[in-house]
Amino acid sequence: MRRLMLLRHTKSDWPSGVDDHERPLARRGRHAGPLMGNYMAREGLLPDLAVISTARRTRETWELVCPAFAEPIAELDERRIYEAPAGSIIDVIHETGIDIHTLLLVGHNPGLQDLTLDLIGRADGNDLGRLREKYPTGGLAVIDFDIGSWSEVAARAGRLERFRTPKTLDLPA
């Protein structure tokens, strides 16, 4: 089994004159990051590897999430998932080593939402409906695959285990 977790960066700011790649998190995003990390740690959603877009807002999100984990998490900065379409993101997933069982990607929309919806073949509850409506900042999709290697990840092969957002955790807006 392989578990893929897709975390959209938390709320970012739009400062004047700042290139999109260098946009920082907004106050709300700085608040939501540690809370999402605490949720992940409490729920045992521990990645073997975190692949993070090189954008400032994704790096800052990860820097706020990772202190919640008791042990350091291996991480890799990956420019190819910055503002990438679903097809580019899946290429990165396919390249993941066989020793990684739980993979976390920290990235952007619309690529994460498109990829998540493409990969899900089964889902319980109403998480899939909420995911189809919107993949808000700070959103975390957890998808399980009954596969032996990451190169086998394919459309409709996964089961949506859960989809959580800062709002569904009753975090302050």
C-alpha atoms as a PDB file:
ATOM      1  CA  MET A   1       0.000   0.000   0.000  1.00  0.00           C
ATOM      2  CA  ARG A   2       1.039   3.593  -0.688  1.00  0.00           C
ATOM      3  CA  ARG A   3      -0.442   6.734   0.823  1.00  0.00           C
ATOM      4  CA  LEU A   4      -0.362  10.068  -0.991  1.00  0.00           C
ATOM      5  CA  MET A   5      -1.100  13.258   0.913  1.00  0.00           C
ATOM      6  CA  LEU A   6      -1.647  16.468  -1.032  1.00  0.00           C
ATOM      7  CA  LEU A   7      -1.489  19.680   0.990  1.00  0.00           C
ATOM      8  CA  ARG A   8      -2.313  22.995  -0.607  1.00  0.00           C
ATOM      9  CA  HIS A   9      -0.290  25.861   0.851  1.00  0.00           C
ATOM     10  CA  THR A  10      -2.086  27.886   3.500  1.00  0.00           C
ATOM     11  CA  LYS A  11      -3.484  31.365   2.839  1.00  0.00           C
ATOM     12  CA  SER A  12      -0.995  33.609   1.078  1.00  0.00           C
ATOM     13  CA  ASP A  13      -0.642  37.348   0.864  1.00  0.00           C
ATOM     14  CA  TRP A  14      -0.635  39.454  -2.321  1.00  0.00           C
ATOM     15  CA  PRO A  15       1.895  42.226  -1.602  1.00  0.00           C
ATOM     16  CA  SER A  16       2.299  44.816  -4.320  1.00  0.00           C
ATOM     17  CA  GLY A  17       5.345  44.413  -6.537  1.00  0.00           C
ATOM     18  CA  VAL A  18       6.172  40.887  -5.332  1.00  0.00           C
ATOM     19  CA  ASP A  19       6.616  38.159  -7.942  1.00  0.00           C
ATOM     20  CA  ASP A  20       4.099  35.294  -7.602  1.00  0.00           C
ATOM     21  CA  HIS A  21       6.849  32.781  -6.753  1.00  0.00           C
ATOM     22  CA  GLU A  22       7.948  34.964  -3.827  1.00  0.00           C
ATOM     23  CA  ARG A  23       4.534  35.694  -2.280  1.00  0.00           C
ATOM     24  CA  PRO A  24       4.561  35.073   1.500  1.00  0.00           C
ATOM     25  CA  LEU A  25       1.853  33.671   3.719  1.00  0.00           C
ATOM     26  CA  ALA A  26      -0.824  35.944   5.115  1.00  0.00           C
ATOM     27  CA  ARG A  27      -1.492  36.104   8.853  1.00  0.00           C
ATOM     28  CA  ARG A  28      -4.302  33.574   8.470  1.00  0.00           C
ATOM     29  CA  GLY A  29      -1.927  31.208   6.651  1.00  0.00           C
ATOM     30  CA  ARG A  30       0.703  31.521   9.378  1.00  0.00           C
ATOM     31  CA  HIS A  31      -1.967  30.573  11.908  1.00  0.00           C
ATOM     32  CA  ALA A  32      -3.381  27.618   9.918  1.00  0.00           C
ATOM     33  CA  GLY A  33      -0.009  25.994   9.132  1.00  0.00           C
ATOM     34  CA  PRO A  34       0.848  24.786  12.659  1.00  0.00           C
ATOM     35  CA  LEU A  35      -2.749  23.752  13.271  1.00  0.00           C
ATOM     36  CA  MET A  36      -2.766  21.563  10.161  1.00  0.00           C
ATOM     37  CA  GLY A  37       0.586  20.109  11.235  1.00  0.00           C
ATOM     38  CA  ASN A  38      -0.771  19.312  14.694  1.00  0.00           C
ATOM     39  CA  TYR A  39      -3.799  17.646  13.111  1.00  0.00           C
ATOM     40  CA  MET A  40      -1.581  15.523  10.868  1.00  0.00           C
ATOM     41  CA  ALA A  41       0.667  14.479  13.759  1.00  0.00           C
ATOM     42  CA  ARG A  42      -2.274  13.699  16.047  1.00  0.00           C
ATOM     43  CA  GLU A  43      -3.914  11.579  13.323  1.00  0.00           C
ATOM     44  CA  GLY A  44      -0.708   9.704  12.478  1.00  0.00           C
ATOM     45  CA  LEU A  45      -0.491  11.252   9.011  1.00  0.00           C
ATOM     46  CA  LEU A  46       3.293  11.130   8.964  1.00  0.00           C
ATOM     47  CA  PRO A  47       5.053  11.339   5.605  1.00  0.00           C
ATOM     48  CA  ASP A  48       8.250   9.463   4.806  1.00  0.00           C
ATOM     49  CA  LEU A  49       9.068  12.256   2.360  1.00  0.00           C
ATOM     50  CA  ALA A  50       7.714  15.765   1.802  1.00  0.00           C
ATOM     51  CA  VAL A  51       8.073  17.162  -1.722  1.00  0.00           C
ATOM     52  CA  ILE A  52       7.581  20.909  -1.621  1.00  0.00           C
ATOM     53  CA  SER A  53       7.064  23.432  -4.386  1.00  0.00           C
ATOM     54  CA  THR A  54       9.847  26.007  -4.442  1.00  0.00           C
ATOM     55  CA  ALA A  55       7.390  28.898  -4.045  1.00  0.00           C
ATOM     56  CA  ARG A  56       7.848  30.907  -0.870  1.00  0.00           C
ATOM     57  CA  ARG A  57       4.272  30.275   0.317  1.00  0.00           C
ATOM     58  CA  THR A  58       4.649  26.486   0.085  1.00  0.00           C
ATOM     59  CA  ARG A  59       8.034  26.534   1.822  1.00  0.00           C
ATOM     60  CA  GLU A  60       6.581  28.706   4.609  1.00  0.00           C
ATOM     61  CA  THR A  61       3.593  26.375   4.929  1.00  0.00           C
ATOM     62  CA  TRP A  62       5.889  23.355   5.314  1.00  0.00           C
ATOM     63  CA  GLU A  63       8.084  25.210   7.824  1.00  0.00           C
ATOM     64  CA  LEU A  64       4.955  25.757   9.957  1.00  0.00           C
ATOM     65  CA  VAL A  65       3.624  22.191   9.533  1.00  0.00           C
ATOM     66  CA  CYS A  66       6.768  20.111  10.127  1.00  0.00           C
ATOM     67  CA  PRO A  67       7.542  21.110  13.753  1.00  0.00           C
ATOM     68  CA  ALA A  68       4.434  19.124  14.792  1.00  0.00           C
ATOM     69  CA  PHE A  69       6.173  15.853  13.893  1.00  0.00           C
ATOM     70  CA  ALA A  70       8.260  14.164  16.582  1.00  0.00           C
ATOM     71  CA  GLU A  71      10.934  13.077  14.096  1.00  0.00           C
ATOM     72  CA  PRO A  72      12.436  15.056  11.220  1.00  0.00           C
ATOM     73  CA  ILE A  73      10.826  14.372   7.833  1.00  0.00           C
ATOM     74  CA  ALA A  74      12.962  13.995   4.707  1.00  0.00           C
ATOM     75  CA  GLU A  75      12.162  16.808   2.303  1.00  0.00           C
ATOM     76  CA  LEU A  76      12.804  17.719  -1.281  1.00  0.00           C
ATOM     77  CA  ASP A  77      12.262  21.086  -2.969  1.00  0.00           C
ATOM     78  CA  GLU A  78      10.701  20.529  -6.391  1.00  0.00           C
ATOM     79  CA  ARG A  79      10.315  23.377  -8.868  1.00  0.00           C
ATOM     80  CA  ARG A  80       8.219  21.192 -11.195  1.00  0.00           C
ATOM     81  CA  ILE A  81       5.191  21.313  -8.876  1.00  0.00           C
ATOM     82  CA  TYR A  82       5.114  25.123  -8.713  1.00  0.00           C
ATOM     83  CA  GLU A  83       1.804  26.122 -10.354  1.00  0.00           C
ATOM     84  CA  ALA A  84       1.954  22.800 -12.240  1.00  0.00           C
ATOM     85  CA  PRO A  85      -0.874  21.000 -14.002  1.00  0.00           C
ATOM     86  CA  ALA A  86      -1.922  17.552 -12.766  1.00  0.00           C
ATOM     87  CA  GLY A  87       0.141  15.764 -15.436  1.00  0.00           C
ATOM     88  CA  SER A  88       3.393  17.368 -14.281  1.00  0.00           C
ATOM     89  CA  ILE A  89       2.665  16.595 -10.635  1.00  0.00           C
ATOM     90  CA  ILE A  90       1.993  12.931 -11.371  1.00  0.00           C
ATOM     91  CA  ASP A  91       5.379  12.715 -13.122  1.00  0.00           C
ATOM     92  CA  VAL A  92       7.020  13.734  -9.835  1.00  0.00           C
ATOM     93  CA  ILE A  93       4.954  11.129  -7.949  1.00  0.00           C
ATOM     94  CA  HIS A  94       5.936   8.388 -10.420  1.00  0.00           C
ATOM     95  CA  GLU A  95       9.623   9.122  -9.775  1.00  0.00           C
ATOM     96  CA  THR A  96       9.314   8.538  -6.011  1.00  0.00           C
ATOM     97  CA  GLY A  97      11.494   5.749  -4.635  1.00  0.00           C
ATOM     98  CA  ILE A  98      10.082   2.392  -3.613  1.00  0.00           C
ATOM     99  CA  ASP A  99      11.282   2.910  -0.018  1.00  0.00           C
ATOM    100  CA  ILE A 100       8.756   5.759   0.421  1.00  0.00           C
ATOM    101  CA  HIS A 101       5.355   4.494   1.566  1.00  0.00           C
ATOM    102  CA  THR A 102       3.737   7.799   2.577  1.00  0.00           C
ATOM    103  CA  LEU A 103       4.398  10.764   0.323  1.00  0.00           C
ATOM    104  CA  LEU A 104       3.361  14.356   1.024  1.00  0.00           C
ATOM    105  CA  LEU A 105       3.270  16.999  -1.691  1.00  0.00           C
ATOM    106  CA  VAL A 106       2.894  20.653  -0.711  1.00  0.00           C
ATOM    107  CA  GLY A 107       1.687  22.574  -3.734  1.00  0.00           C
ATOM    108  CA  HIS A 108      -0.863  24.740  -5.475  1.00  0.00           C
ATOM    109  CA  ASN A 109      -4.238  24.841  -7.128  1.00  0.00           C
ATOM    110  CA  PRO A 110      -5.658  24.124  -9.617  1.00  0.00           C
ATOM    111  CA  GLY A 111      -3.114  21.328 -10.129  1.00  0.00           C
ATOM    112  CA  LEU A 112      -3.653  19.657  -6.754  1.00  0.00           C
ATOM    113  CA  GLN A 113      -7.434  19.631  -7.060  1.00  0.00           C
ATOM    114  CA  ASP A 114      -7.346  18.352 -10.644  1.00  0.00           C
ATOM    115  CA  LEU A 115      -4.875  15.605  -9.731  1.00  0.00           C
ATOM    116  CA  THR A 116      -6.789  14.571  -6.618  1.00  0.00           C
ATOM    117  CA  LEU A 117     -10.072  14.283  -8.474  1.00  0.00           C
ATOM    118  CA  ASP A 118      -8.374  12.328 -11.262  1.00  0.00           C
ATOM    119  CA  LEU A 119      -6.773   9.816  -8.879  1.00  0.00           C
ATOM    120  CA  ILE A 120      -9.840   9.028  -6.784  1.00  0.00           C
ATOM    121  CA  GLY A 121     -11.750   5.922  -7.786  1.00  0.00           C
ATOM    122  CA  ARG A 122     -13.493   5.378  -4.437  1.00  0.00           C
ATOM    123  CA  ALA A 123     -14.524   7.592  -1.532  1.00  0.00           C
ATOM    124  CA  ASP A 124     -16.677   7.305   1.564  1.00  0.00           C
ATOM    125  CA  GLY A 125     -18.758  10.048   3.159  1.00  0.00           C
ATOM    126  CA  ASN A 126     -19.126  13.542   1.776  1.00  0.00           C
ATOM    127  CA  ASP A 127     -15.418  14.451   1.500  1.00  0.00           C
ATOM    128  CA  LEU A 128     -15.411  13.898  -2.265  1.00  0.00           C
ATOM    129  CA  GLY A 129     -18.347  16.267  -2.760  1.00  0.00           C
ATOM    130  CA  ARG A 130     -16.606  18.990  -0.756  1.00  0.00           C
ATOM    131  CA  LEU A 131     -13.397  18.387  -2.691  1.00  0.00           C
ATOM    132  CA  ARG A 132     -15.193  18.769  -6.015  1.00  0.00           C
ATOM    133  CA  GLU A 133     -16.603  22.117  -4.882  1.00  0.00           C
ATOM    134  CA  LYS A 134     -13.345  23.625  -3.693  1.00  0.00           C
ATOM    135  CA  TYR A 135      -9.800  22.773  -2.577  1.00  0.00           C
ATOM    136  CA  PRO A 136      -9.203  25.689  -0.201  1.00  0.00           C
ATOM    137  CA  THR A 137      -5.860  26.882   1.060  1.00  0.00           C
ATOM    138  CA  GLY A 138      -4.568  24.555   3.752  1.00  0.00           C
ATOM    139  CA  GLY A 139      -6.645  21.683   2.311  1.00  0.00           C
ATOM    140  CA  LEU A 140      -5.260  18.178   2.840  1.00  0.00           C
ATOM    141  CA  ALA A 141      -6.327  15.202   0.713  1.00  0.00           C
ATOM    142  CA  VAL A 142      -5.225  11.726   1.812  1.00  0.00           C
ATOM    143  CA  ILE A 143      -5.427   9.066  -0.903  1.00  0.00           C
ATOM    144  CA  ASP A 144      -4.575   5.385  -0.413  1.00  0.00           C
ATOM    145  CA  PHE A 145      -3.417   3.114  -3.246  1.00  0.00           C
ATOM    146  CA  ASP A 146      -3.170  -0.672  -3.260  1.00  0.00           C
ATOM    147  CA  ILE A 147       0.018  -0.681  -5.340  1.00  0.00           C
ATOM    148  CA  GLY A 148       3.618  -1.805  -4.999  1.00  0.00           C
ATOM    149  CA  SER A 149       5.389   1.243  -6.408  1.00  0.00           C
ATOM    150  CA  TRP A 150       4.667   4.894  -7.099  1.00  0.00           C
ATOM    151  CA  SER A 151       5.005   4.337 -10.840  1.00  0.00           C
ATOM    152  CA  GLU A 152       1.662   2.457 -10.631  1.00  0.00           C
ATOM    153  CA  VAL A 153      -0.302   5.522  -9.483  1.00  0.00           C
ATOM    154  CA  ALA A 154      -2.986   6.007 -12.109  1.00  0.00           C
ATOM    155  CA  ALA A 155      -6.348   7.640 -12.718  1.00  0.00           C
ATOM    156  CA  ARG A 156      -9.141   6.297 -10.512  1.00  0.00           C
ATOM    157  CA  ALA A 157      -6.773   3.887  -8.729  1.00  0.00           C
ATOM    158  CA  GLY A 158      -6.945   5.568  -5.319  1.00  0.00           C
ATOM    159  CA  ARG A 159      -9.374   5.681  -2.436  1.00  0.00           C
ATOM    160  CA  LEU A 160      -9.967   9.048  -0.785  1.00  0.00           C
ATOM    161  CA  GLU A 161      -9.297   8.321   2.867  1.00  0.00           C
ATOM    162  CA  ARG A 162     -10.106  11.890   3.967  1.00  0.00           C
ATOM    163  CA  PHE A 163     -10.172  15.514   2.932  1.00  0.00           C
ATOM    164  CA  ARG A 164      -9.665  18.136   5.636  1.00  0.00           C
ATOM    165  CA  THR A 165      -9.354  21.889   5.556  1.00  0.00           C
ATOM    166  CA  PRO A 166      -8.711  24.446   8.264  1.00  0.00           C
ATOM    167  CA  LYS A 167     -12.461  25.160   8.273  1.00  0.00           C
ATOM    168  CA  THR A 168     -13.460  21.510   8.744  1.00  0.00           C
ATOM    169  CA  LEU A 169     -11.146  21.389  11.733  1.00  0.00           C
ATOM    170  CA  ASP A 170     -13.022  24.377  13.167  1.00  0.00           C
ATOM    171  CA  LEU A 171      -9.957  26.543  12.998  1.00  0.00           C
ATOM    172  CA  PRO A 172     -10.355  30.309  13.217  1.00  0.00           C
ATOM    173  CA  ALA A 173     -10.711  31.916   9.799  1.00  0.00           C
END
